[in-house]
Protein backbone atom coordinates (compact mmCIF):
# COMPACT_ATOMS: atom_id res chain seq x y z
CA MET A 1 228.89 160.16 27.22
CA SER A 2 227.95 159.32 30.60
CA GLN A 3 229.78 156.12 30.89
CA ARG A 4 232.11 156.54 34.29
CA PRO A 5 231.46 159.21 37.20
CA PRO A 6 235.16 160.17 37.50
CA SER A 7 234.58 162.08 34.24
CA ARG A 8 232.04 164.68 35.19
CA ARG A 9 234.51 165.24 37.98
CA THR A 10 237.35 165.84 36.14
CA PHE A 11 235.68 167.95 34.08
CA LEU A 12 234.34 170.04 37.19
CA THR A 13 238.02 169.72 38.30
CA GLY A 14 239.32 171.11 35.15
CA ALA A 15 236.38 174.19 34.97
CA ALA A 16 237.13 174.93 38.62
CA ILE A 17 240.99 175.64 37.66
CA ALA A 18 240.50 177.60 34.38
CA GLY A 19 237.92 179.90 36.36
CA ALA A 20 240.13 180.06 39.41
CA ALA A 21 243.47 181.47 36.89
CA LEU A 22 240.44 183.64 35.02
CA GLY A 23 239.78 184.61 38.56
CA ILE A 24 243.28 185.83 39.37
CA GLY A 25 244.12 187.19 36.44
CA ARG A 26 245.45 184.32 34.18
CA PRO A 27 249.00 183.90 36.26
CA PRO A 28 252.07 182.07 34.62
CA ALA A 29 251.28 178.83 32.93
CA VAL A 30 254.18 177.47 34.12
CA PRO A 31 253.53 176.05 37.43
CA VAL A 32 249.98 175.28 36.19
CA ARG A 33 251.42 173.01 33.52
CA LYS A 34 253.99 171.28 36.37
CA LYS A 35 251.16 170.30 38.02
CA SER A 36 249.73 168.77 35.42
């Protein structure tokens, strides 16, 4: 599954965003979805 390095970065970014959202208390997913 290690074909491209960006793949790992994307996973880390997604985990960071999810962690931050959970840490804040799961804020409205409206702005998060818009940002996509």
